[in-house]
């Protein structure tokens, strides 16, 4: 689905030098490379505080920990997302409240959020799914009205820009009270292992977050709060600092690939191509189609026989996952998410795609549909 080897070879000299510099310094944990990457990402996002951590799931967990929520407090999020979003809520003994998504963008439905709010609701976690921002104007208005925290899961949309109704433009992850991301290798900004980060403009929250990721310490060996051990190592930070310089270029390459696919599938009544909302751009972490009366498994097998990868994100919504079964929810409660789980289909999209590759993939898909 991504060509990390081809991407590496284009920046090989820079990456190899950065890694060797870390090894030569022996500053493997919280070294200068981490601080340099943190500073560069703060500048790129135009945000006051970036707190690196071990992975994207940790980022979500420490964000929730910093808010001082209590067991039983409710956190609203989408049922159509990767499991980590609900996982951290459950691990902290909070109560995940799941809601449906918008049929055009696949992002959390603000109207559904408003209907799900109770006296126990404390936070909302919108997921910027597949590469574009959720409707943050409406979500922030709801949060302001009900005095709720907003934690953005921007793991799939780092680099995307949100355009507010008042004309202000902000990067995904910098709109709510806290933003979170993952640097998993396949992400738009990915390292060569695990990594993540938390963002905020709030000085008090930033201090809490820094303590939490470092065992609850502000001063070494003095533990003021309960924390965790979640660190971005220096080698990964050095790699990310190099790749951050190319993040917008990478996004442009993905957009060009998406435009090619859109043109190729235009007029095909068996596929609906991705829609970008008018309040955001789309950095296409995934290129996800909605299929209509297609055997997805047969299509995936056909593509595989022709040397083409594909994926289904996500085949089971969270409310139907065995680990998260809840008497509040049943099959049929979230019809849009359930329909998407049965119909979505993702094609390869990455920074190294040329026209010949895109032509081969799209023609192979159309060949299957026309048989």
Protein backbone atom coordinates (compact mmCIF):
# COMPACT_ATOMS: atom_id res chain seq x y z
CA UNK A 1 0.00 0.00 0.00
CA UNK A 2 3.04 2.28 0.46
CA UNK A 3 6.55 2.25 -1.01
CA UNK A 4 8.75 3.08 1.97
CA UNK A 5 11.85 1.67 0.28
CA UNK A 6 11.51 3.93 -2.76
CA UNK A 7 10.84 6.92 -0.51
CA UNK A 8 13.92 6.11 1.59
CA UNK A 9 16.26 5.92 -1.39
CA UNK A 10 15.34 9.45 -2.45
CA UNK A 11 16.51 10.83 0.91
CA UNK A 12 18.99 8.09 1.77
CA UNK A 13 22.06 10.26 2.23
CA UNK A 14 20.27 12.70 4.55
CA UNK A 15 18.68 9.93 6.62
CA UNK A 16 21.86 7.87 6.89
CA UNK A 17 23.85 10.88 8.03
CA UNK A 18 21.22 11.80 10.61
CA UNK A 19 21.21 8.26 12.02
CA UNK A 20 25.00 8.11 12.15
CA UNK A 21 25.11 11.45 13.96
CA UNK A 22 22.85 10.08 16.69
CA UNK A 23 24.90 6.92 17.03
CA UNK A 24 28.12 8.93 17.21
CA UNK A 25 26.65 11.15 19.93
CA UNK A 26 25.28 8.18 21.94
CA UNK A 27 22.39 10.48 22.97
CA UNK A 28 19.76 7.87 22.24
CA UNK A 29 17.01 9.03 24.62
CA UNK A 30 15.77 12.64 24.76
CA UNK A 31 18.88 13.77 22.94
CA UNK A 32 19.39 16.86 20.77
CA UNK A 33 17.70 15.17 17.80
CA UNK A 34 14.43 14.89 19.74
CA UNK A 35 14.52 18.53 20.78
CA UNK A 36 15.39 19.65 17.24
CA UNK A 37 12.52 17.67 15.70
CA UNK A 38 10.13 18.92 18.37
CA UNK A 39 11.07 22.51 17.57
CA UNK A 40 10.72 21.99 13.82
CA UNK A 41 7.30 20.37 14.21
CA UNK A 42 6.11 23.21 16.47
CA UNK A 43 7.13 25.65 13.75
CA UNK A 44 5.45 23.61 11.00
CA UNK A 45 2.20 23.28 12.93
CA UNK A 46 2.35 26.84 14.29
CA UNK A 47 1.69 25.54 17.80
CA UNK A 48 3.37 26.34 21.11
CA UNK A 49 4.01 22.85 22.42
CA UNK A 50 4.84 19.50 20.82
CA UNK A 51 5.45 16.65 23.26
CA UNK A 52 6.97 13.60 21.53
CA UNK A 53 6.04 10.15 22.84
CA UNK A 54 6.38 6.45 22.06
CA UNK A 55 3.50 5.93 19.62
CA UNK A 56 0.13 7.25 18.53
CA UNK A 57 -1.85 5.14 21.01
CA UNK A 58 0.25 6.52 23.85
CA UNK A 59 -0.41 10.02 22.53
CA UNK A 60 -4.16 9.50 22.90
CA UNK A 61 -3.76 7.94 26.33
CA UNK A 62 -1.54 10.65 27.81
CA UNK A 63 -3.86 13.31 26.33
CA UNK A 64 -6.78 11.83 28.26
CA UNK A 65 -4.66 11.42 31.39
CA UNK A 66 -3.74 15.12 31.32
CA UNK A 67 -7.40 16.17 31.52
CA UNK A 68 -7.98 14.77 35.00
CA UNK A 69 -10.99 12.69 34.00
CA UNK A 70 -12.50 10.23 36.47
CA UNK A 71 -13.60 6.60 35.97
CA UNK A 72 -17.06 6.56 34.44
CA UNK A 73 -16.68 9.90 32.67
CA UNK A 74 -17.89 9.68 29.08
CA UNK A 75 -15.83 10.38 25.98
CA UNK A 76 -17.60 10.63 22.61
CA UNK A 77 -15.86 9.31 19.51
CA UNK A 78 -16.61 7.68 16.18
CA UNK A 79 -17.45 4.02 15.71
CA UNK A 80 -15.69 4.02 12.30
CA UNK A 81 -12.00 4.20 13.14
CA UNK A 82 -9.00 2.15 14.23
CA UNK A 83 -9.44 0.52 17.62
CA UNK A 84 -6.82 2.65 19.42
CA UNK A 85 -9.23 5.58 19.72
CA UNK A 86 -11.65 3.61 21.91
CA UNK A 87 -8.96 1.41 23.43
CA UNK A 88 -7.36 4.19 25.44
CA UNK A 89 -10.75 5.35 26.73
CA UNK A 90 -11.50 1.86 28.03
CA UNK A 91 -8.01 1.35 29.49
CA UNK A 92 -8.45 4.46 31.65
CA UNK A 93 -11.83 3.18 32.91
CA UNK A 94 -13.62 5.95 31.08
CA UNK A 95 -16.75 5.19 29.09
CA UNK A 96 -16.53 5.29 25.30
CA UNK A 97 -19.67 6.72 23.72
CA UNK A 98 -19.77 5.82 20.05
CA UNK A 99 -21.58 7.74 17.32
CA UNK A 100 -22.10 7.47 13.58
CA UNK A 101 -20.24 9.26 10.78
CA UNK A 102 -21.06 11.49 7.84
CA UNK A 103 -21.72 9.48 4.66
CA UNK A 104 -19.61 11.72 2.39
CA UNK A 105 -16.41 12.25 4.41
CA UNK A 106 -16.60 9.20 6.76
CA UNK A 107 -15.74 11.57 9.64
CA UNK A 108 -17.66 11.87 12.91
CA UNK A 109 -21.12 13.43 12.57
CA UNK A 110 -21.45 16.61 14.69
CA UNK A 111 -25.23 16.16 14.92
CA UNK A 112 -24.70 12.68 16.36
CA UNK A 113 -22.20 14.10 18.87
CA UNK A 114 -24.74 16.62 20.13
CA UNK A 115 -27.42 13.94 20.56
CA UNK A 116 -25.01 11.73 22.57
CA UNK A 117 -24.04 14.33 25.20
CA UNK A 118 -25.10 13.60 28.80
CA UNK A 119 -24.23 15.05 32.19
CA UNK A 120 -21.28 12.61 32.30
CA UNK A 121 -19.76 13.70 28.98
CA UNK A 122 -16.34 15.29 29.43
CA UNK A 123 -14.56 15.07 26.08
CA UNK A 124 -14.88 14.50 22.33
CA UNK A 125 -12.29 12.70 20.21
CA UNK A 126 -12.86 13.49 16.52
CA UNK A 127 -10.76 11.36 14.18
CA UNK A 128 -9.54 13.08 11.01
CA UNK A 129 -10.04 9.95 8.98
CA UNK A 130 -8.11 8.97 5.85
CA UNK A 131 -6.48 12.41 5.51
CA UNK A 132 -9.06 15.19 5.90
CA UNK A 133 -10.31 17.14 8.90
CA UNK A 134 -13.63 16.55 10.59
CA UNK A 135 -16.12 19.45 10.78
CA UNK A 136 -14.22 21.27 13.52
CA UNK A 137 -16.25 24.50 13.39
CA UNK A 138 -19.33 22.60 14.52
CA UNK A 139 -17.44 20.31 16.88
CA UNK A 140 -15.70 23.19 18.68
CA UNK A 141 -19.00 25.07 18.94
CA UNK A 142 -20.60 22.02 20.56
CA UNK A 143 -17.64 21.65 22.92
CA UNK A 144 -17.80 25.32 23.90
CA UNK A 145 -21.53 25.14 24.56
CA UNK A 146 -21.23 22.07 26.78
CA UNK A 147 -17.81 22.86 28.32
CA UNK A 148 -16.14 19.77 26.85
CA UNK A 149 -12.52 19.01 25.98
CA UNK A 150 -11.63 18.20 22.36
CA UNK A 151 -8.77 15.81 21.62
CA UNK A 152 -8.04 15.53 17.90
CA UNK A 153 -6.85 12.20 16.56
CA UNK A 154 -4.81 13.54 13.64
CA UNK A 155 -2.76 10.38 13.03
CA UNK A 156 -4.08 10.04 9.46
CA UNK A 157 -4.17 13.73 8.60
CA UNK A 158 -0.93 15.33 9.75
CA UNK A 159 -0.24 18.17 7.33
CA UNK A 160 -3.88 18.68 6.34
CA UNK A 161 -5.23 22.22 6.68
CA UNK A 162 -8.61 23.14 8.19
CA UNK A 163 -10.30 26.36 7.08
CA UNK A 164 -12.55 27.92 9.71
CA UNK A 165 -15.67 29.90 8.84
CA UNK A 166 -13.96 33.03 10.20
CA UNK A 167 -11.19 32.65 7.64
CA UNK A 168 -8.52 31.29 9.97
CA UNK A 169 -6.52 28.30 8.69
CA UNK A 170 -5.02 25.76 11.07
CA UNK A 171 -3.24 22.45 10.71
CA UNK A 172 -4.99 19.24 11.74
CA UNK A 173 -4.26 18.56 15.40
CA UNK A 174 -3.98 22.24 16.40
CA UNK A 175 -7.66 23.13 16.55
CA UNK A 176 -8.88 21.44 19.74
CA UNK A 177 -7.45 21.52 23.25
CA UNK A 178 -5.00 18.70 22.45
CA UNK A 179 -3.93 17.07 19.20
CA UNK A 180 -2.40 13.62 18.80
CA UNK A 181 -0.55 11.88 16.02
CA UNK A 182 1.28 8.68 15.18
CA UNK A 183 4.57 8.35 13.34
CA UNK A 184 3.94 4.70 12.41
CA UNK A 185 6.00 4.00 9.27
CA UNK A 186 3.07 4.04 6.84
CA UNK A 187 1.74 7.40 8.06
CA UNK A 188 2.19 10.51 5.90
CA UNK A 189 4.97 11.51 8.30
CA UNK A 190 6.33 8.15 9.41
CA UNK A 191 9.51 7.05 11.12
CA UNK A 192 11.28 3.68 10.86
CA UNK A 193 9.70 2.22 13.98
CA UNK A 194 7.15 3.48 16.47
CA UNK A 195 6.64 7.08 17.45
CA UNK A 196 4.01 9.66 18.29
CA UNK A 197 3.41 13.17 19.59
CA UNK A 198 0.90 15.33 21.42
CA UNK A 199 0.30 19.02 20.62
CA UNK A 200 -1.27 21.88 22.56
CA UNK A 201 -1.26 25.66 22.87
CA UNK A 202 -2.19 25.43 26.57
CA UNK A 203 0.85 25.93 28.82
CA UNK A 204 -0.72 24.13 31.79
CA UNK A 205 -1.73 21.10 29.73
CA UNK A 206 1.72 21.02 28.13
CA UNK A 207 3.37 20.81 31.55
CA UNK A 208 1.05 17.95 32.53
CA UNK A 209 1.70 16.11 29.28
CA UNK A 210 5.48 16.41 29.61
CA UNK A 211 5.31 15.00 33.12
CA UNK A 212 2.99 12.14 32.18
CA UNK A 213 5.19 10.84 29.33
CA UNK A 214 8.19 10.88 31.72
CA UNK A 215 6.93 8.85 34.69
CA UNK A 216 5.12 11.85 36.20
CA UNK A 217 8.38 13.74 36.75
CA UNK A 218 9.21 17.38 36.38
CA UNK A 219 12.41 17.06 38.44
CA UNK A 220 14.36 13.82 38.16
CA UNK A 221 13.31 11.25 40.79
CA UNK A 222 10.49 13.47 42.08
CA UNK A 223 7.19 12.04 40.83
CA UNK A 224 4.36 14.53 41.23
CA UNK A 225 1.68 12.61 39.35
CA UNK A 226 1.13 9.10 38.01
CA UNK A 227 2.73 8.88 34.59
CA UNK A 228 3.97 6.43 31.99
CA UNK A 229 7.20 5.77 30.15
CA UNK A 230 6.60 6.94 26.59
CA UNK A 231 9.49 8.41 24.66
CA UNK A 232 10.38 9.06 21.05
CA UNK A 233 13.93 7.81 20.66
CA UNK A 234 16.58 10.02 19.11
CA UNK A 235 17.14 7.93 15.98
CA UNK A 236 13.45 8.09 15.10
CA UNK A 237 13.40 11.83 15.81
CA UNK A 238 16.38 12.36 13.52
CA UNK A 239 14.61 10.49 10.71
CA UNK A 240 11.41 12.45 11.27
CA UNK A 241 13.26 15.76 11.20
CA UNK A 242 14.52 14.92 7.70
CA UNK A 243 11.13 13.69 6.47
CA UNK A 244 9.26 16.68 7.92
CA UNK A 245 11.01 18.88 5.35
CA UNK A 246 9.27 16.86 2.62
CA UNK A 247 5.85 16.44 4.23
CA UNK A 248 4.07 18.97 2.00
CA UNK A 249 5.79 17.52 -1.07
CA UNK A 250 4.64 14.07 0.00
CA UNK A 251 1.08 15.38 0.40
CA UNK A 252 1.17 16.89 -3.09
CA UNK A 253 2.25 13.53 -4.53
CA UNK A 254 -0.63 11.78 -2.80
CA UNK A 255 -3.09 14.41 -4.03
CA UNK A 256 -1.87 13.95 -7.59
CA UNK A 257 -2.32 10.20 -7.31
CA UNK A 258 -5.84 10.68 -5.90
CA UNK A 259 -6.70 13.05 -8.78
CA UNK A 260 -5.54 10.43 -11.28
CA UNK A 261 -7.72 7.76 -9.66
CA UNK A 262 -10.70 10.15 -9.53
CA UNK A 263 -10.44 10.83 -13.24
CA UNK A 264 -9.96 7.16 -14.08
CA UNK A 265 -13.06 6.11 -12.12
CA UNK A 266 -15.23 9.05 -13.16
CA UNK A 267 -18.56 7.82 -14.45
CA UNK A 268 -18.15 4.32 -13.01
CA UNK A 269 -21.44 3.59 -11.28
CA UNK A 270 -19.91 0.75 -9.24
CA UNK A 271 -17.51 3.06 -7.39
CA UNK A 272 -17.85 6.33 -5.48
CA UNK A 273 -14.59 8.25 -5.29
CA UNK A 274 -13.54 10.16 -2.13
CA UNK A 275 -15.18 13.51 -1.41
CA UNK A 276 -13.21 16.36 0.19
CA UNK A 277 -15.22 18.68 2.42
CA UNK A 278 -15.11 22.40 1.61
CA UNK A 279 -13.59 23.28 5.01
CA UNK A 280 -10.46 21.15 4.66
CA UNK A 281 -7.90 19.86 2.23
CA UNK A 282 -7.15 16.15 1.95
CA UNK A 283 -3.68 14.62 2.30
CA UNK A 284 -4.89 11.12 1.36
CA UNK A 285 -3.39 8.88 3.97
CA UNK A 286 -5.72 6.39 2.31
CA UNK A 287 -7.53 6.46 -1.01
CA UNK A 288 -10.83 4.87 -0.05
CA UNK A 289 -13.63 4.13 -2.49
CA UNK A 290 -17.19 3.13 -1.71
CA UNK A 291 -18.18 0.10 -3.79
CA UNK A 292 -21.69 -0.61 -5.04
CA UNK A 293 -22.81 -4.21 -5.44
CA UNK A 294 -19.26 -5.46 -5.81
CA UNK A 295 -17.74 -8.61 -4.31
CA UNK A 296 -14.86 -6.94 -2.46
CA UNK A 297 -13.10 -10.20 -1.69
CA UNK A 298 -13.16 -11.19 -5.34
CA UNK A 299 -11.83 -7.76 -6.32
CA UNK A 300 -9.02 -8.00 -3.73
CA UNK A 301 -8.09 -11.48 -4.97
CA UNK A 302 -8.10 -10.29 -8.58
CA UNK A 303 -5.82 -7.37 -7.74
CA UNK A 304 -3.50 -9.61 -5.73
CA UNK A 305 -3.18 -12.01 -8.67
CA UNK A 306 -2.13 -9.00 -10.72
CA UNK A 307 0.45 -7.84 -8.19
CA UNK A 308 -1.62 -5.02 -6.66
CA UNK A 309 -2.19 -4.52 -2.94
CA UNK A 310 -5.50 -3.41 -1.47
CA UNK A 311 -7.08 -3.07 1.97
CA UNK A 312 -10.37 -2.61 3.78
CA UNK A 313 -10.40 0.11 6.46
CA UNK A 314 -12.39 -0.91 8.52
CA UNK A 315 -14.31 -4.20 8.12
CA UNK A 316 -15.93 -4.08 11.58
CA UNK A 317 -17.05 -0.85 13.29
CA UNK A 318 -16.09 -0.46 16.94
CA UNK A 319 -19.56 -1.10 18.39
CA UNK A 320 -19.56 -4.57 16.80
CA UNK A 321 -16.04 -5.53 17.91
CA UNK A 322 -16.07 -8.40 20.42
CA UNK A 323 -13.96 -6.53 22.97
CA UNK A 324 -16.29 -3.50 22.88
CA UNK A 325 -19.73 -5.11 22.77
CA UNK A 326 -22.05 -3.03 24.92
CA UNK A 327 -25.77 -3.44 25.67
CA UNK A 328 -26.24 0.21 24.64
CA UNK A 329 -25.41 -0.65 21.04
CA UNK A 330 -26.61 -3.27 18.59
CA UNK A 331 -26.28 -4.11 14.94
CA UNK A 332 -28.16 -1.46 12.98
CA UNK A 333 -27.66 1.41 15.43
CA UNK A 334 -25.07 3.17 13.26
CA UNK A 335 -26.24 2.49 9.70
CA UNK A 336 -23.75 4.72 7.89
CA UNK A 337 -20.68 3.26 9.58
CA UNK A 338 -22.03 -0.27 9.19
CA UNK A 339 -22.68 0.28 5.49
CA UNK A 340 -19.20 1.72 5.01
CA UNK A 341 -17.64 -1.27 6.75
CA UNK A 342 -19.35 -3.47 4.17
CA UNK A 343 -18.56 -1.37 1.11
CA UNK A 344 -15.28 0.60 1.44
CA UNK A 345 -12.16 -0.47 -0.44
CA UNK A 346 -8.74 1.20 -0.41
CA UNK A 347 -6.19 1.26 -3.20
CA UNK A 348 -2.44 1.94 -2.90
CA UNK A 349 -1.54 5.59 -2.54
CA UNK A 350 1.90 6.88 -1.66
CA UNK A 351 4.67 9.28 -2.56
CA UNK A 352 6.41 7.16 -5.19
CA UNK A 353 3.56 6.48 -7.60
CA UNK A 354 4.15 7.31 -11.25
CA UNK A 355 1.60 7.54 -14.03
CA UNK A 356 2.36 4.07 -15.33
CA UNK A 357 1.68 2.53 -11.92
CA UNK A 358 -1.53 4.51 -11.45
CA UNK A 359 -2.69 3.58 -14.94
CA UNK A 360 -2.01 -0.10 -14.32
CA UNK A 361 -3.87 -0.13 -11.00
CA UNK A 362 -6.90 1.79 -12.24
CA UNK A 363 -7.17 -0.20 -15.48
CA UNK A 364 -6.92 -3.46 -13.54
CA UNK A 365 -9.75 -2.36 -11.25
CA UNK A 366 -11.89 -1.36 -14.22
CA UNK A 367 -11.06 -4.60 -15.96
CA UNK A 368 -12.48 -6.55 -13.01
CA UNK A 369 -15.60 -4.38 -12.90
CA UNK A 370 -16.23 -4.83 -16.61
CA UNK A 371 -16.02 -8.64 -16.57
